[in-house]
C-alpha atoms as a PDB file:
ATOM      1  CA  MET A   1       0.056   0.003   0.081  1.00  0.00           C
ATOM      2  CA  PRO A   2       1.134   3.531  -0.571  1.00  0.00           C
ATOM      3  CA  GLN A   3       3.272   5.251   2.012  1.00  0.00           C
ATOM      4  CA  LEU A   4       2.903   8.824   3.443  1.00  0.00           C
ATOM      5  CA  PRO A   5       4.373  10.923   0.477  1.00  0.00           C
ATOM      6  CA  LYS A   6       7.636  12.992   0.934  1.00  0.00           C
ATOM      7  CA  THR A   7       6.716  15.607  -1.697  1.00  0.00           C
ATOM      8  CA  LEU A   8       3.722  17.307  -3.250  1.00  0.00           C
ATOM      9  CA  GLU A   9       4.633  15.791  -6.496  1.00  0.00           C
ATOM     10  CA  GLU A  10       4.646  12.148  -4.998  1.00  0.00           C
ATOM     11  CA  ALA A  11       1.274  13.071  -3.395  1.00  0.00           C
ATOM     12  CA  ILE A  12      -0.242  14.096  -6.781  1.00  0.00           C
ATOM     13  CA  VAL A  13       1.046  10.822  -8.380  1.00  0.00           C
ATOM     14  CA  GLN A  14      -0.642   8.931  -5.637  1.00  0.00           C
ATOM     15  CA  ALA A  15      -3.819  10.889  -6.055  1.00  0.00           C
ATOM     16  CA  ARG A  16      -3.880  10.186  -9.816  1.00  0.00           C
ATOM     17  CA  GLU A  17      -3.585   6.427  -9.093  1.00  0.00           C
ATOM     18  CA  ALA A  18      -6.222   6.472  -6.440  1.00  0.00           C
ATOM     19  CA  THR A  19      -8.610   8.315  -8.593  1.00  0.00           C
ATOM     20  CA  GLN A  20      -8.112   5.923 -11.496  1.00  0.00           C
ATOM     21  CA  ALA A  21      -8.741   2.996  -9.250  1.00  0.00           C
ATOM     22  CA  ALA A  22     -11.914   4.495  -7.786  1.00  0.00           C
ATOM     23  CA  LEU A  23     -13.304   5.373 -11.268  1.00  0.00           C
ATOM     24  CA  ALA A  24     -12.454   1.811 -12.383  1.00  0.00           C
ATOM     25  CA  ASP A  25     -14.409   0.397  -9.405  1.00  0.00           C
ATOM     26  CA  GLY A  26     -17.398   2.481 -10.491  1.00  0.00           C
ATOM     27  CA  TYR A  27     -17.330   5.498  -8.267  1.00  0.00           C
ATOM     28  CA  THR A  28     -18.840   8.506  -9.883  1.00  0.00           C
ATOM     29  CA  GLN A  29     -18.587  11.342  -7.084  1.00  0.00           C
ATOM     30  CA  LEU A  30     -14.931  11.617  -5.994  1.00  0.00           C
ATOM     31  CA  GLN A  31     -12.789  14.254  -4.394  1.00  0.00           C
ATOM     32  CA  VAL A  32      -9.051  14.599  -3.917  1.00  0.00           C
ATOM     33  CA  GLU A  33      -8.286  16.548  -0.717  1.00  0.00           C
ATOM     34  CA  LEU A  34      -4.813  18.123  -0.283  1.00  0.00           C
ATOM     35  CA  LEU A  35      -5.322  20.200   2.860  1.00  0.00           C
ATOM     36  CA  PHE A  36      -2.377  22.632   2.894  1.00  0.00           C
ATOM     37  CA  PRO A  37      -2.952  26.238   3.517  1.00  0.00           C
ATOM     38  CA  GLU A  38      -0.234  27.195   1.016  1.00  0.00           C
ATOM     39  CA  LEU A  39      -1.600  24.999  -1.847  1.00  0.00           C
ATOM     40  CA  LYS A  40      -1.701  26.825  -5.133  1.00  0.00           C
ATOM     41  CA  ALA A  41      -4.461  24.861  -6.900  1.00  0.00           C
ATOM     42  CA  LEU A  42      -3.842  25.465 -10.534  1.00  0.00           C
ATOM     43  CA  PRO A  43      -0.292  24.188 -10.951  1.00  0.00           C
ATOM     44  CA  ALA A  44      -1.279  21.257  -8.698  1.00  0.00           C
ATOM     45  CA  ALA A  45      -4.369  20.562 -10.819  1.00  0.00           C
ATOM     46  CA  GLN A  46      -2.270  20.672 -14.023  1.00  0.00           C
ATOM     47  CA  GLN A  47      -0.036  17.955 -12.625  1.00  0.00           C
ATOM     48  CA  PHE A  48      -3.175  16.034 -11.787  1.00  0.00           C
ATOM     49  CA  MET A  49      -4.463  16.149 -15.275  1.00  0.00           C
ATOM     50  CA  PRO A  50      -3.062  12.860 -16.779  1.00  0.00           C
ATOM     51  CA  VAL A  51      -5.846  11.099 -14.968  1.00  0.00           C
ATOM     52  CA  PHE A  52      -8.135  12.316 -17.819  1.00  0.00           C
ATOM     53  CA  ASP A  53      -5.905  11.578 -20.856  1.00  0.00           C
ATOM     54  CA  GLU A  54      -8.127   8.871 -22.200  1.00  0.00           C
ATOM     55  CA  TYR A  55     -11.192  11.186 -22.334  1.00  0.00           C
ATOM     56  CA  GLY A  56      -9.685  13.734 -24.669  1.00  0.00           C
ATOM     57  CA  ASP A  57     -12.061  16.611 -25.176  1.00  0.00           C
ATOM     58  CA  LYS A  58     -14.874  14.844 -23.460  1.00  0.00           C
ATOM     59  CA  LEU A  59     -13.653  16.272 -20.121  1.00  0.00           C
ATOM     60  CA  LYS A  60     -15.110  19.597 -18.884  1.00  0.00           C
ATOM     61  CA  ILE A  61     -13.350  21.637 -16.199  1.00  0.00           C
ATOM     62  CA  PHE A  62     -15.016  24.085 -13.800  1.00  0.00           C
ATOM     63  CA  PHE A  63     -13.290  26.646 -11.672  1.00  0.00           C
ATOM     64  CA  ALA A  64     -14.633  28.577  -8.731  1.00  0.00           C
ATOM     65  CA  ASP A  65     -14.706  31.936 -10.470  1.00  0.00           C
ATOM     66  CA  ALA A  66     -14.269  33.472 -13.788  1.00  0.00           C
ATOM     67  CA  GLY A  67     -10.730  34.719 -12.832  1.00  0.00           C
ATOM     68  CA  SER A  68      -9.367  31.363 -12.075  1.00  0.00           C
ATOM     69  CA  ALA A  69     -10.991  30.090 -15.254  1.00  0.00           C
ATOM     70  CA  ALA A  70      -9.204  32.842 -17.254  1.00  0.00           C
ATOM     71  CA  LEU A  71      -5.824  32.061 -15.722  1.00  0.00           C
ATOM     72  CA  ALA A  72      -6.337  28.293 -16.573  1.00  0.00           C
ATOM     73  CA  ARG A  73      -7.108  29.099 -20.154  1.00  0.00           C
ATOM     74  CA  ARG A  74      -3.948  31.217 -20.412  1.00  0.00           C
ATOM     75  CA  ASP A  75      -1.692  28.747 -18.647  1.00  0.00           C
ATOM     76  CA  TRP A  76      -3.197  25.573 -20.032  1.00  0.00           C
ATOM     77  CA  SER A  77      -3.658  26.644 -23.656  1.00  0.00           C
ATOM     78  CA  ASP A  78      -2.194  23.482 -24.975  1.00  0.00           C
ATOM     79  CA  LEU A  79      -4.925  21.371 -23.376  1.00  0.00           C
ATOM     80  CA  PRO A  80      -8.108  20.413 -25.440  1.00  0.00           C
ATOM     81  CA  PHE A  81     -10.631  20.592 -22.587  1.00  0.00           C
ATOM     82  CA  GLN A  82     -13.371  23.248 -22.228  1.00  0.00           C
ATOM     83  CA  MET A  83     -12.807  25.427 -19.070  1.00  0.00           C
ATOM     84  CA  LEU A  84     -15.723  27.190 -17.368  1.00  0.00           C
ATOM     85  CA  ASP A  85     -16.397  28.740 -14.130  1.00  0.00           C
ATOM     86  CA  ILE A  86     -19.193  27.446 -11.729  1.00  0.00           C
ATOM     87  CA  GLY A  87     -21.018  30.839 -12.196  1.00  0.00           C
ATOM     88  CA  THR A  88     -21.935  31.785  -8.602  1.00  0.00           C
ATOM     89  CA  GLY A  89     -23.962  35.060  -8.442  1.00  0.00           C
ATOM     90  CA  ARG A  90     -25.017  35.065 -12.159  1.00  0.00           C
ATOM     91  CA  MET A  91     -28.188  33.772 -13.742  1.00  0.00           C
ATOM     92  CA  THR A  92     -26.370  31.166 -15.833  1.00  0.00           C
ATOM     93  CA  SER A  93     -28.178  28.352 -17.522  1.00  0.00           C
ATOM     94  CA  ILE A  94     -27.122  24.912 -16.073  1.00  0.00           C
ATOM     95  CA  GLN A  95     -28.085  23.303 -19.382  1.00  0.00           C
ATOM     96  CA  SER A  96     -25.654  25.604 -21.267  1.00  0.00           C
ATOM     97  CA  LYS A  97     -22.775  24.204 -19.078  1.00  0.00           C
ATOM     98  CA  ILE A  98     -23.542  20.510 -19.203  1.00  0.00           C
ATOM     99  CA  GLN A  99     -23.777  18.952 -22.588  1.00  0.00           C
ATOM    100  CA  PRO A 100     -24.839  15.432 -23.635  1.00  0.00           C
ATOM    101  CA  GLU A 101     -21.291  14.770 -25.152  1.00  0.00           C
ATOM    102  CA  ASP A 102     -19.490  15.504 -21.896  1.00  0.00           C
ATOM    103  CA  GLU A 103     -18.265  12.309 -20.250  1.00  0.00           C
ATOM    104  CA  ILE A 104     -16.462  13.389 -17.097  1.00  0.00           C
ATOM    105  CA  PHE A 105     -16.031  16.557 -15.070  1.00  0.00           C
ATOM    106  CA  LEU A 106     -13.261  18.164 -12.983  1.00  0.00           C
ATOM    107  CA  PHE A 107     -13.938  20.878 -10.471  1.00  0.00           C
ATOM    108  CA  VAL A 108     -10.833  22.801  -9.289  1.00  0.00           C
ATOM    109  CA  GLN A 109     -10.793  24.074  -5.730  1.00  0.00           C
ATOM    110  CA  PRO A 110     -14.617  24.780  -5.291  1.00  0.00           C
ATOM    111  CA  THR A 111     -15.415  26.331  -2.046  1.00  0.00           C
ATOM    112  CA  SER A 112     -18.301  26.439   0.374  1.00  0.00           C
ATOM    113  CA  VAL A 113     -19.467  29.749  -1.340  1.00  0.00           C
ATOM    114  CA  GLU A 114     -20.132  27.877  -4.603  1.00  0.00           C
ATOM    115  CA  ILE A 115     -22.051  25.019  -2.944  1.00  0.00           C
ATOM    116  CA  PRO A 116     -25.611  25.993  -4.105  1.00  0.00           C
ATOM    117  CA  GLN A 117     -24.641  26.359  -7.751  1.00  0.00           C
ATOM    118  CA  LEU A 118     -22.203  23.448  -7.523  1.00  0.00           C
ATOM    119  CA  LYS A 119     -25.024  21.250  -6.254  1.00  0.00           C
ATOM    120  CA  LYS A 120     -27.237  22.212  -9.230  1.00  0.00           C
ATOM    121  CA  ILE A 121     -24.401  21.325 -11.624  1.00  0.00           C
ATOM    122  CA  CYS A 122     -23.793  18.051 -10.049  1.00  0.00           C
ATOM    123  CA  GLU A 123     -27.538  17.258 -10.261  1.00  0.00           C
ATOM    124  CA  ALA A 124     -27.443  18.090 -13.944  1.00  0.00           C
ATOM    125  CA  ILE A 125     -24.507  15.853 -14.413  1.00  0.00           C
ATOM    126  CA  GLY A 126     -26.506  12.950 -12.908  1.00  0.00           C
ATOM    127  CA  GLU A 127     -25.228   9.799 -11.266  1.00  0.00           C
ATOM    128  CA  ALA A 128     -24.075   7.988 -14.344  1.00  0.00           C
ATOM    129  CA  ARG A 129     -21.302  10.369 -15.413  1.00  0.00           C
ATOM    130  CA  PRO A 130     -18.277  10.838 -12.974  1.00  0.00           C
ATOM    131  CA  PHE A 131     -16.884  14.005 -11.554  1.00  0.00           C
ATOM    132  CA  VAL A 132     -13.875  14.731  -9.514  1.00  0.00           C
ATOM    133  CA  MET A 133     -13.342  17.691  -7.149  1.00  0.00           C
ATOM    134  CA  PHE A 134      -9.663  18.613  -6.853  1.00  0.00           C
ATOM    135  CA  ALA A 135      -8.517  20.367  -3.507  1.00  0.00           C
ATOM    136  CA  PRO A 136     -12.141  21.472  -2.647  1.00  0.00           C
ATOM    137  CA  ARG A 137     -12.676  23.634   0.370  1.00  0.00           C
ATOM    138  CA  LEU A 138     -16.342  22.773   0.918  1.00  0.00           C
ATOM    139  CA  GLU A 139     -16.432  22.378   4.733  1.00  0.00           C
ATOM    140  CA  ASP A 140     -15.954  26.024   5.753  1.00  0.00           C
ATOM    141  CA  SER A 141     -17.042  26.829   9.263  1.00  0.00           C
ATOM    142  CA  GLY A 142     -16.781  30.497   8.423  1.00  0.00           C
ATOM    143  CA  VAL A 143     -19.867  30.560   6.205  1.00  0.00           C
ATOM    144  CA  VAL A 144     -22.576  32.688   8.025  1.00  0.00           C
ATOM    145  CA  GLY A 145     -26.012  33.772   7.265  1.00  0.00           C
ATOM    146  CA  ILE A 146     -27.550  30.333   6.468  1.00  0.00           C
ATOM    147  CA  GLY A 147     -29.848  28.451   8.709  1.00  0.00           C
ATOM    148  CA  TYR A 148     -29.798  25.005  10.085  1.00  0.00           C
ATOM    149  CA  ALA A 149     -31.737  23.388   7.263  1.00  0.00           C
ATOM    150  CA  ALA A 150     -29.393  24.890   4.723  1.00  0.00           C
ATOM    151  CA  ARG A 151     -26.289  23.668   6.516  1.00  0.00           C
ATOM    152  CA  GLN A 152     -27.787  20.162   6.736  1.00  0.00           C
ATOM    153  CA  THR A 153     -28.507  20.343   3.005  1.00  0.00           C
ATOM    154  CA  ARG A 154     -24.821  21.376   2.357  1.00  0.00           C
ATOM    155  CA  GLN A 155     -23.529  18.546   4.521  1.00  0.00           C
ATOM    156  CA  GLN A 156     -25.702  15.934   2.959  1.00  0.00           C
ATOM    157  CA  PHE A 157     -24.274  17.040  -0.471  1.00  0.00           C
ATOM    158  CA  ILE A 158     -20.634  16.838   0.925  1.00  0.00           C
ATOM    159  CA  ASN A 159     -21.239  13.390   2.353  1.00  0.00           C
ATOM    160  CA  THR A 160     -22.233  11.977  -1.002  1.00  0.00           C
ATOM    161  CA  ILE A 161     -18.656  12.611  -2.356  1.00  0.00           C
ATOM    162  CA  GLU A 162     -16.003   9.806  -1.794  1.00  0.00           C
ATOM    163  CA  SER A 163     -12.515  10.925  -0.761  1.00  0.00           C
ATOM    164  CA  CYS A 164     -10.398   8.728  -2.803  1.00  0.00           C
ATOM    165  CA  TYR A 165      -7.193  10.634  -1.753  1.00  0.00           C
ATOM    166  CA  TYR A 166      -6.797  12.707   1.505  1.00  0.00           C
ATOM    167  CA  LEU A 167      -3.782  14.177   2.949  1.00  0.00           C
ATOM    168  CA  ARG A 168      -3.849  16.586   5.899  1.00  0.00           C
ATOM    169  CA  PRO A 169      -0.800  17.336   7.899  1.00  0.00           C
ATOM    170  CA  ILE A 170      -1.593  18.385  11.484  1.00  0.00           C
ATOM    171  CA  PHE A 171       1.145  20.815  12.407  1.00  0.00           C
ATOM    172  CA  GLU A 172       4.327  18.726  12.297  1.00  0.00           C
ATOM    173  CA  GLU A 173       3.307  16.164  14.725  1.00  0.00           C
ATOM    174  CA  ALA A 174       0.746  13.957  12.773  1.00  0.00           C
ATOM    175  CA  ALA A 175      -1.208  13.492   9.580  1.00  0.00           C
ATOM    176  CA  VAL A 176      -4.366  11.924   8.338  1.00  0.00           C
ATOM    177  CA  PHE A 177      -4.027  10.011   5.069  1.00  0.00           C
ATOM    178  CA  ARG A 178      -6.118   7.990   2.708  1.00  0.00           C
ATOM    179  CA  CYS A 179      -5.319   6.553  -0.626  1.00  0.00           C
ATOM    180  CA  TYR A 180      -8.038   4.576  -2.297  1.00  0.00           C
ATOM    181  CA  PRO A 181      -8.553   1.654  -1.982  1.00  0.00           C
ATOM    182  CA  GLY A 182      -6.792   1.806   1.334  1.00  0.00           C
ATOM    183  CA  LEU A 183      -8.153   2.592   4.727  1.00  0.00           C
ATOM    184  CA  TRP A 184      -7.949   5.881   6.497  1.00  0.00           C
ATOM    185  CA  GLU A 185      -4.674   6.200   8.256  1.00  0.00           C
ATOM    186  CA  VAL A 186      -3.240   8.275  11.201  1.00  0.00           C
ATOM    187  CA  TRP A 187       0.515   8.984  11.267  1.00  0.00           C
ATOM    188  CA  VAL A 188       2.222  10.403  14.398  1.00  0.00           C
ATOM    189  CA  GLU A 189       5.804  11.495  14.977  1.00  0.00           C
ATOM    190  CA  LYS A 190       7.460   9.226  17.489  1.00  0.00           C
ATOM    191  CA  GLY A 191      11.175   9.087  18.219  1.00  0.00           C
ATOM    192  CA  GLY A 192      12.283  11.171  15.330  1.00  0.00           C
ATOM    193  CA  ASP A 193      10.215   9.265  12.716  1.00  0.00           C
ATOM    194  CA  TYR A 194       6.584   9.353  11.508  1.00  0.00           C
ATOM    195  CA  GLU A 195       4.783   6.084  12.323  1.00  0.00           C
ATOM    196  CA  LYS A 196       1.425   4.774  11.087  1.00  0.00           C
ATOM    197  CA  VAL A 197      -0.546   4.362  14.315  1.00  0.00           C
ATOM    198  CA  ALA A 198      -4.098   3.778  13.207  1.00  0.00           C
ATOM    199  CA  GLU A 199      -6.015   2.244  10.405  1.00  0.00           C
ATOM    200  CA  LEU A 200      -9.718   3.040  10.225  1.00  0.00           C
ATOM    201  CA  PRO A 201     -12.623   2.303   7.966  1.00  0.00           C
ATOM    202  CA  ASN A 202     -13.810   5.950   8.008  1.00  0.00           C
ATOM    203  CA  LYS A 203     -12.276   9.338   8.372  1.00  0.00           C
ATOM    204  CA  PRO A 204     -11.644   9.908  12.136  1.00  0.00           C
ATOM    205  CA  SER A 205     -13.700  12.581  13.835  1.00  0.00           C
ATOM    206  CA  GLY A 206     -11.964  15.505  15.787  1.00  0.00           C
ATOM    207  CA  ASP A 207     -12.335  13.679  19.204  1.00  0.00           C
ATOM    208  CA  GLU A 208     -11.256  10.310  17.757  1.00  0.00           C
ATOM    209  CA  LEU A 209      -8.205  11.930  16.068  1.00  0.00           C
ATOM    210  CA  ASP A 210      -7.261  13.635  19.386  1.00  0.00           C
ATOM    211  CA  THR A 211      -7.422  10.286  21.165  1.00  0.00           C
ATOM    212  CA  ILE A 212      -5.274   8.559  18.545  1.00  0.00           C
ATOM    213  CA  ILE A 213      -2.622  11.275  18.420  1.00  0.00           C
ATOM    214  CA  SER A 214      -2.369  11.608  22.202  1.00  0.00           C
ATOM    215  CA  GLY A 215      -2.229   7.792  22.675  1.00  0.00           C
ATOM    216  CA  GLY A 216      -0.186   6.925  19.753  1.00  0.00           C
ATOM    217  CA  GLN A 217      -1.375   3.458  19.836  1.00  0.00           C
ATOM    218  CA  THR A 218      -1.213   1.258  16.775  1.00  0.00           C
ATOM    219  CA  GLN A 219      -4.725   0.059  15.958  1.00  0.00           C
ATOM    220  CA  SER A 220      -3.793  -3.104  14.074  1.00  0.00           C
ATOM    221  CA  GLU A 221      -2.830  -5.418  16.831  1.00  0.00           C
ATOM    222  CA  GLY A 222       0.387  -7.171  16.167  1.00  0.00           C
ATOM    223  CA  GLU A 223       1.168  -5.019  13.177  1.00  0.00           C
ATOM    224  CA  PRO A 224       4.379  -2.861  13.599  1.00  0.00           C
ATOM    225  CA  ALA A 225       4.292   0.826  12.937  1.00  0.00           C
ATOM    226  CA  THR A 226       5.606   1.905   9.651  1.00  0.00           C
ATOM    227  CA  PRO A 227       8.346   4.724   9.785  1.00  0.00           C
ATOM    228  CA  THR A 228       8.833   7.481   7.209  1.00  0.00           C
ATOM    229  CA  SER A 229      11.033  10.544   6.840  1.00  0.00           C
ATOM    230  CA  LYS A 230      10.933  13.100   9.816  1.00  0.00           C
ATOM    231  CA  ASN A 231      10.967  15.876   7.355  1.00  0.00           C
ATOM    232  CA  VAL A 232       7.984  14.722   5.273  1.00  0.00           C
ATOM    233  CA  PHE A 233       5.762  17.699   6.108  1.00  0.00           C
ATOM    234  CA  ARG A 234       8.484  20.347   5.894  1.00  0.00           C
ATOM    235  CA  GLY A 235       9.328  18.824   2.538  1.00  0.00           C
ATOM    236  CA  LEU A 236       5.723  19.097   1.437  1.00  0.00           C
ATOM    237  CA  GLN A 237       5.367  22.705   2.652  1.00  0.00           C
ATOM    238  CA  ARG A 238       8.523  23.750   0.984  1.00  0.00           C
ATOM    239  CA  PHE A 239       7.344  22.146  -2.340  1.00  0.00           C
ATOM    240  CA  VAL A 240       3.922  23.910  -2.077  1.00  0.00           C
ATOM    241  CA  ARG A 241       5.371  27.265  -1.308  1.00  0.00           C
ATOM    242  CA  ALA A 242       7.713  27.042  -4.323  1.00  0.00           C
ATOM    243  CA  LEU A 243       4.607  26.833  -6.564  1.00  0.00           C
ATOM    244  CA  ARG A 244       3.666  30.375  -5.541  1.00  0.00           C
ATOM    245  CA  SER A 245       6.210  31.803  -7.945  1.00  0.00           C
END
């Protein structure tokens, strides 16, 4: 099974493989979560694009706003895919965005602000055609001005999306990692190395994660912890910051 990656480049390679495996197994609603504050989504998404090579111009790409879509058209001018923005705040026909010939869809870093329009687009896509959300920021506790029912609707939509790849450093002491078809894993720094201390069937909740990190106990009885480089997160953060240039 994949080990905790040492660079962002390695993480994206793992994410491509996990996405292809999930698509092959019939999943149609997927997300790749790279939870780094410094992540610059457009260059990272461009490295992720080989996942869709077999689809050619049957892929359609959506960006959170018109500015991001324009930047992608400029920087990705050699790619044959149609690039649109989700269209938040505008009276845009969903039917004009989703065409019968489209076979697969990529959403690049959508946020909680776009969820109402995003949900409508996904409903128009339907369950038969797959979509992938790359580096989404959908669970934003800072969203205000919506009631309980609206929050529940948002969460129900988020819960329908399978995390085929998930990597979340927690300061420099731990990480949550999942690479489909593997289980959810928690890695903790112990004695100068990072060790896998838990394997779980579902993403750990906050309280559960706190217990695992503070205890540092391996969940699989009799299975030795797996070490990796102590500098894994520093290396990831340096790599991500380099993409800002």
